[in-house]
Amino acid sequence: MNGIYKTADLVLFPLDFEADSLVVLESASCGLPTLALKNYGCGERIEDGVTGFLSDFDEESFTKKIWEILNNKPLLEKVKKMSTNFEQTLGKKWWQNIVNSSLKKLKNTKI
Protein backbone atom coordinates (compact mmCIF):
# COMPACT_ATOMS: atom_id res chain seq x y z
CA MET A 1 0.00 0.00 0.00
CA ASN A 2 2.89 2.35 0.71
CA GLY A 3 3.74 2.53 -3.00
CA ILE A 4 0.15 3.36 -3.92
CA TYR A 5 -0.11 6.08 -1.28
CA LYS A 6 3.18 7.62 -2.45
CA THR A 7 1.74 8.20 -5.95
CA ALA A 8 -1.31 10.13 -4.68
CA ASP A 9 -1.81 13.70 -3.48
CA LEU A 10 -4.87 13.10 -1.34
CA VAL A 11 -6.97 10.25 0.06
CA LEU A 12 -10.71 10.68 -0.38
CA PHE A 13 -12.74 9.12 2.41
CA PRO A 14 -16.43 10.03 1.94
CA LEU A 15 -17.82 7.33 4.25
CA ASP A 16 -20.27 8.18 7.01
CA PHE A 17 -20.38 4.79 8.68
CA GLU A 18 -16.81 3.77 9.47
CA ALA A 19 -15.89 4.88 12.96
CA ASP A 20 -12.14 4.20 13.16
CA SER A 21 -10.70 3.61 9.75
CA LEU A 22 -7.10 2.54 9.43
CA VAL A 23 -7.02 4.25 6.02
CA VAL A 24 -6.42 7.61 7.71
CA LEU A 25 -3.48 6.28 9.74
CA GLU A 26 -2.02 4.35 6.82
CA SER A 27 -2.11 7.34 4.52
CA ALA A 28 -0.78 9.69 7.23
CA SER A 29 2.15 7.37 7.85
CA CYS A 30 3.07 7.94 4.18
CA GLY A 31 2.69 11.72 4.53
CA LEU A 32 -0.61 11.70 2.64
CA PRO A 33 -3.54 13.68 4.04
CA THR A 34 -7.14 12.47 3.98
CA LEU A 35 -10.31 14.36 3.05
CA ALA A 36 -13.05 12.96 5.30
CA LEU A 37 -16.54 13.98 6.36
CA LYS A 38 -17.12 16.29 9.31
CA ASN A 39 -18.72 14.72 12.37
CA TYR A 40 -18.37 11.15 11.14
CA GLY A 41 -15.96 8.61 12.54
CA CYS A 42 -12.41 9.37 11.52
CA GLY A 43 -13.41 12.91 10.53
CA GLU A 44 -13.73 13.66 14.22
CA ARG A 45 -10.01 13.01 14.64
CA ILE A 46 -8.80 15.23 11.80
CA GLU A 47 -8.11 18.94 12.28
CA ASP A 48 -9.21 20.61 9.03
CA GLY A 49 -6.30 22.18 7.16
CA VAL A 50 -3.78 20.95 9.73
CA THR A 51 -3.71 17.13 9.90
CA GLY A 52 -6.06 16.50 6.99
CA PHE A 53 -9.18 17.99 5.47
CA LEU A 54 -12.88 17.89 6.32
CA SER A 55 -16.01 18.42 4.25
CA ASP A 56 -19.73 18.64 4.81
CA PHE A 57 -21.75 15.54 3.99
CA ASP A 58 -22.99 16.35 0.51
CA GLU A 59 -21.62 15.73 -2.95
CA GLU A 60 -21.27 19.40 -3.91
CA SER A 61 -19.30 20.34 -0.78
CA PHE A 62 -17.05 17.30 -1.05
CA THR A 63 -16.29 17.96 -4.73
CA LYS A 64 -15.65 21.66 -4.09
CA LYS A 65 -13.26 20.81 -1.24
CA ILE A 66 -11.28 18.43 -3.49
CA TRP A 67 -10.67 21.20 -6.02
CA GLU A 68 -9.81 23.76 -3.30
CA ILE A 69 -7.18 21.41 -1.87
CA LEU A 70 -5.63 20.35 -5.16
CA ASN A 71 -5.44 23.96 -6.35
CA ASN A 72 -3.67 25.12 -3.18
CA LYS A 73 -0.30 23.35 -3.39
CA PRO A 74 1.30 25.25 -0.44
CA LEU A 75 -1.54 24.18 1.87
CA LEU A 76 -1.45 20.62 0.57
CA GLU A 77 2.31 20.37 1.16
CA LYS A 78 1.96 21.82 4.68
CA VAL A 79 -0.73 19.31 5.58
CA LYS A 80 1.29 16.45 4.09
CA LYS A 81 4.08 17.27 6.55
CA MET A 82 1.63 17.52 9.45
CA SER A 83 -0.01 14.22 8.48
CA THR A 84 3.10 12.32 9.47
CA ASN A 85 3.11 13.95 12.93
CA PHE A 86 -0.61 13.22 13.19
CA GLU A 87 0.00 9.52 12.56
CA GLN A 88 2.83 9.36 15.08
CA THR A 89 0.92 11.04 17.91
CA LEU A 90 -2.68 10.04 17.27
CA GLY A 91 -1.86 6.58 15.95
CA LYS A 92 -0.88 5.33 19.39
CA LYS A 93 -4.06 6.72 20.98
CA TRP A 94 -6.19 5.43 18.12
CA TRP A 95 -4.88 1.88 18.47
CA GLN A 96 -5.37 2.00 22.22
CA ASN A 97 -9.00 3.11 21.73
CA ILE A 98 -9.63 0.28 19.25
CA VAL A 99 -8.11 -2.30 21.62
CA ASN A 100 -10.05 -0.98 24.62
CA SER A 101 -13.30 -0.90 22.66
CA SER A 102 -12.78 -4.44 21.38
CA LEU A 103 -11.94 -5.75 24.85
CA LYS A 104 -15.03 -4.09 26.29
CA LYS A 105 -17.24 -5.69 23.62
CA LEU A 106 -15.71 -9.10 24.26
CA LYS A 107 -16.18 -8.70 27.99
CA ASN A 108 -19.88 -7.92 27.49
CA THR A 109 -20.48 -10.76 25.01
CA LYS A 110 -22.34 -13.77 26.29
CA ILE A 111 -21.18 -17.10 24.96
C-alpha atoms as a PDB file:
ATOM      1  CA  MET A   1       0.000   0.000   0.000  1.00  0.00           C
ATOM      2  CA  ASN A   2       2.893   2.351   0.710  1.00  0.00           C
ATOM      3  CA  GLY A   3       3.745   2.525  -3.003  1.00  0.00           C
ATOM      4  CA  ILE A   4       0.149   3.356  -3.923  1.00  0.00           C
ATOM      5  CA  TYR A   5      -0.106   6.080  -1.282  1.00  0.00           C
ATOM      6  CA  LYS A   6       3.182   7.619  -2.452  1.00  0.00           C
ATOM      7  CA  THR A   7       1.737   8.201  -5.954  1.00  0.00           C
ATOM      8  CA  ALA A   8      -1.306  10.129  -4.682  1.00  0.00           C
ATOM      9  CA  ASP A   9      -1.806  13.703  -3.479  1.00  0.00           C
ATOM     10  CA  LEU A  10      -4.871  13.104  -1.340  1.00  0.00           C
ATOM     11  CA  VAL A  11      -6.968  10.246   0.061  1.00  0.00           C
ATOM     12  CA  LEU A  12     -10.709  10.683  -0.384  1.00  0.00           C
ATOM     13  CA  PHE A  13     -12.740   9.119   2.412  1.00  0.00           C
ATOM     14  CA  PRO A  14     -16.430  10.034   1.936  1.00  0.00           C
ATOM     15  CA  LEU A  15     -17.824   7.331   4.250  1.00  0.00           C
ATOM     16  CA  ASP A  16     -20.272   8.185   7.014  1.00  0.00           C
ATOM     17  CA  PHE A  17     -20.376   4.786   8.682  1.00  0.00           C
ATOM     18  CA  GLU A  18     -16.807   3.770   9.465  1.00  0.00           C
ATOM     19  CA  ALA A  19     -15.893   4.879  12.963  1.00  0.00           C
ATOM     20  CA  ASP A  20     -12.144   4.201  13.163  1.00  0.00           C
ATOM     21  CA  SER A  21     -10.697   3.612   9.753  1.00  0.00           C
ATOM     22  CA  LEU A  22      -7.102   2.542   9.427  1.00  0.00           C
ATOM     23  CA  VAL A  23      -7.015   4.246   6.025  1.00  0.00           C
ATOM     24  CA  VAL A  24      -6.425   7.607   7.707  1.00  0.00           C
ATOM     25  CA  LEU A  25      -3.485   6.280   9.739  1.00  0.00           C
ATOM     26  CA  GLU A  26      -2.016   4.353   6.824  1.00  0.00           C
ATOM     27  CA  SER A  27      -2.110   7.345   4.521  1.00  0.00           C
ATOM     28  CA  ALA A  28      -0.781   9.689   7.226  1.00  0.00           C
ATOM     29  CA  SER A  29       2.151   7.366   7.850  1.00  0.00           C
ATOM     30  CA  CYS A  30       3.072   7.944   4.185  1.00  0.00           C
ATOM     31  CA  GLY A  31       2.687  11.725   4.534  1.00  0.00           C
ATOM     32  CA  LEU A  32      -0.606  11.697   2.642  1.00  0.00           C
ATOM     33  CA  PRO A  33      -3.535  13.675   4.042  1.00  0.00           C
ATOM     34  CA  THR A  34      -7.139  12.470   3.977  1.00  0.00           C
ATOM     35  CA  LEU A  35     -10.307  14.356   3.052  1.00  0.00           C
ATOM     36  CA  ALA A  36     -13.049  12.962   5.298  1.00  0.00           C
ATOM     37  CA  LEU A  37     -16.544  13.979   6.356  1.00  0.00           C
ATOM     38  CA  LYS A  38     -17.115  16.288   9.311  1.00  0.00           C
ATOM     39  CA  ASN A  39     -18.724  14.723  12.373  1.00  0.00           C
ATOM     40  CA  TYR A  40     -18.374  11.154  11.138  1.00  0.00           C
ATOM     41  CA  GLY A  41     -15.958   8.608  12.542  1.00  0.00           C
ATOM     42  CA  CYS A  42     -12.405   9.371  11.523  1.00  0.00           C
ATOM     43  CA  GLY A  43     -13.412  12.907  10.533  1.00  0.00           C
ATOM     44  CA  GLU A  44     -13.734  13.664  14.223  1.00  0.00           C
ATOM     45  CA  ARG A  45     -10.011  13.006  14.640  1.00  0.00           C
ATOM     46  CA  ILE A  46      -8.801  15.235  11.796  1.00  0.00           C
ATOM     47  CA  GLU A  47      -8.113  18.937  12.276  1.00  0.00           C
ATOM     48  CA  ASP A  48      -9.207  20.606   9.028  1.00  0.00           C
ATOM     49  CA  GLY A  49      -6.302  22.184   7.158  1.00  0.00           C
ATOM     50  CA  VAL A  50      -3.783  20.946   9.730  1.00  0.00           C
ATOM     51  CA  THR A  51      -3.713  17.133   9.902  1.00  0.00           C
ATOM     52  CA  GLY A  52      -6.058  16.496   6.989  1.00  0.00           C
ATOM     53  CA  PHE A  53      -9.178  17.991   5.474  1.00  0.00           C
ATOM     54  CA  LEU A  54     -12.881  17.888   6.316  1.00  0.00           C
ATOM     55  CA  SER A  55     -16.006  18.424   4.248  1.00  0.00           C
ATOM     56  CA  ASP A  56     -19.730  18.643   4.809  1.00  0.00           C
ATOM     57  CA  PHE A  57     -21.747  15.538   3.993  1.00  0.00           C
ATOM     58  CA  ASP A  58     -22.989  16.355   0.510  1.00  0.00           C
ATOM     59  CA  GLU A  59     -21.620  15.733  -2.954  1.00  0.00           C
ATOM     60  CA  GLU A  60     -21.269  19.405  -3.911  1.00  0.00           C
ATOM     61  CA  SER A  61     -19.300  20.345  -0.779  1.00  0.00           C
ATOM     62  CA  PHE A  62     -17.053  17.304  -1.052  1.00  0.00           C
ATOM     63  CA  THR A  63     -16.290  17.962  -4.733  1.00  0.00           C
ATOM     64  CA  LYS A  64     -15.646  21.658  -4.088  1.00  0.00           C
ATOM     65  CA  LYS A  65     -13.261  20.812  -1.241  1.00  0.00           C
ATOM     66  CA  ILE A  66     -11.279  18.432  -3.486  1.00  0.00           C
ATOM     67  CA  TRP A  67     -10.671  21.205  -6.019  1.00  0.00           C
ATOM     68  CA  GLU A  68      -9.809  23.757  -3.303  1.00  0.00           C
ATOM     69  CA  ILE A  69      -7.177  21.408  -1.867  1.00  0.00           C
ATOM     70  CA  LEU A  70      -5.632  20.346  -5.162  1.00  0.00           C
ATOM     71  CA  ASN A  71      -5.437  23.956  -6.355  1.00  0.00           C
ATOM     72  CA  ASN A  72      -3.672  25.122  -3.180  1.00  0.00           C
ATOM     73  CA  LYS A  73      -0.296  23.349  -3.387  1.00  0.00           C
ATOM     74  CA  PRO A  74       1.297  25.250  -0.440  1.00  0.00           C
ATOM     75  CA  LEU A  75      -1.544  24.183   1.871  1.00  0.00           C
ATOM     76  CA  LEU A  76      -1.451  20.617   0.566  1.00  0.00           C
ATOM     77  CA  GLU A  77       2.306  20.368   1.159  1.00  0.00           C
ATOM     78  CA  LYS A  78       1.959  21.822   4.677  1.00  0.00           C
ATOM     79  CA  VAL A  79      -0.733  19.313   5.585  1.00  0.00           C
ATOM     80  CA  LYS A  80       1.290  16.453   4.088  1.00  0.00           C
ATOM     81  CA  LYS A  81       4.076  17.267   6.554  1.00  0.00           C
ATOM     82  CA  MET A  82       1.633  17.523   9.451  1.00  0.00           C
ATOM     83  CA  SER A  83      -0.011  14.224   8.479  1.00  0.00           C
ATOM     84  CA  THR A  84       3.100  12.322   9.472  1.00  0.00           C
ATOM     85  CA  ASN A  85       3.107  13.955  12.928  1.00  0.00           C
ATOM     86  CA  PHE A  86      -0.613  13.223  13.193  1.00  0.00           C
ATOM     87  CA  GLU A  87      -0.003   9.523  12.559  1.00  0.00           C
ATOM     88  CA  GLN A  88       2.831   9.361  15.076  1.00  0.00           C
ATOM     89  CA  THR A  89       0.920  11.037  17.907  1.00  0.00           C
ATOM     90  CA  LEU A  90      -2.676  10.040  17.268  1.00  0.00           C
ATOM     91  CA  GLY A  91      -1.863   6.583  15.953  1.00  0.00           C
ATOM     92  CA  LYS A  92      -0.878   5.330  19.388  1.00  0.00           C
ATOM     93  CA  LYS A  93      -4.057   6.718  20.984  1.00  0.00           C
ATOM     94  CA  TRP A  94      -6.189   5.428  18.117  1.00  0.00           C
ATOM     95  CA  TRP A  95      -4.881   1.880  18.473  1.00  0.00           C
ATOM     96  CA  GLN A  96      -5.374   1.999  22.223  1.00  0.00           C
ATOM     97  CA  ASN A  97      -8.996   3.113  21.725  1.00  0.00           C
ATOM     98  CA  ILE A  98      -9.626   0.279  19.254  1.00  0.00           C
ATOM     99  CA  VAL A  99      -8.106  -2.298  21.621  1.00  0.00           C
ATOM    100  CA  ASN A 100     -10.045  -0.976  24.623  1.00  0.00           C
ATOM    101  CA  SER A 101     -13.301  -0.898  22.664  1.00  0.00           C
ATOM    102  CA  SER A 102     -12.782  -4.443  21.382  1.00  0.00           C
ATOM    103  CA  LEU A 103     -11.945  -5.754  24.846  1.00  0.00           C
ATOM    104  CA  LYS A 104     -15.027  -4.087  26.288  1.00  0.00           C
ATOM    105  CA  LYS A 105     -17.241  -5.690  23.619  1.00  0.00           C
ATOM    106  CA  LEU A 106     -15.706  -9.097  24.265  1.00  0.00           C
ATOM    107  CA  LYS A 107     -16.178  -8.702  27.995  1.00  0.00           C
ATOM    108  CA  ASN A 108     -19.879  -7.920  27.493  1.00  0.00           C
ATOM    109  CA  THR A 109     -20.478 -10.762  25.013  1.00  0.00           C
ATOM    110  CA  LYS A 110     -22.343 -13.772  26.292  1.00  0.00           C
ATOM    111  CA  ILE A 111     -21.183 -17.100  24.965  1.00  0.00           C
END
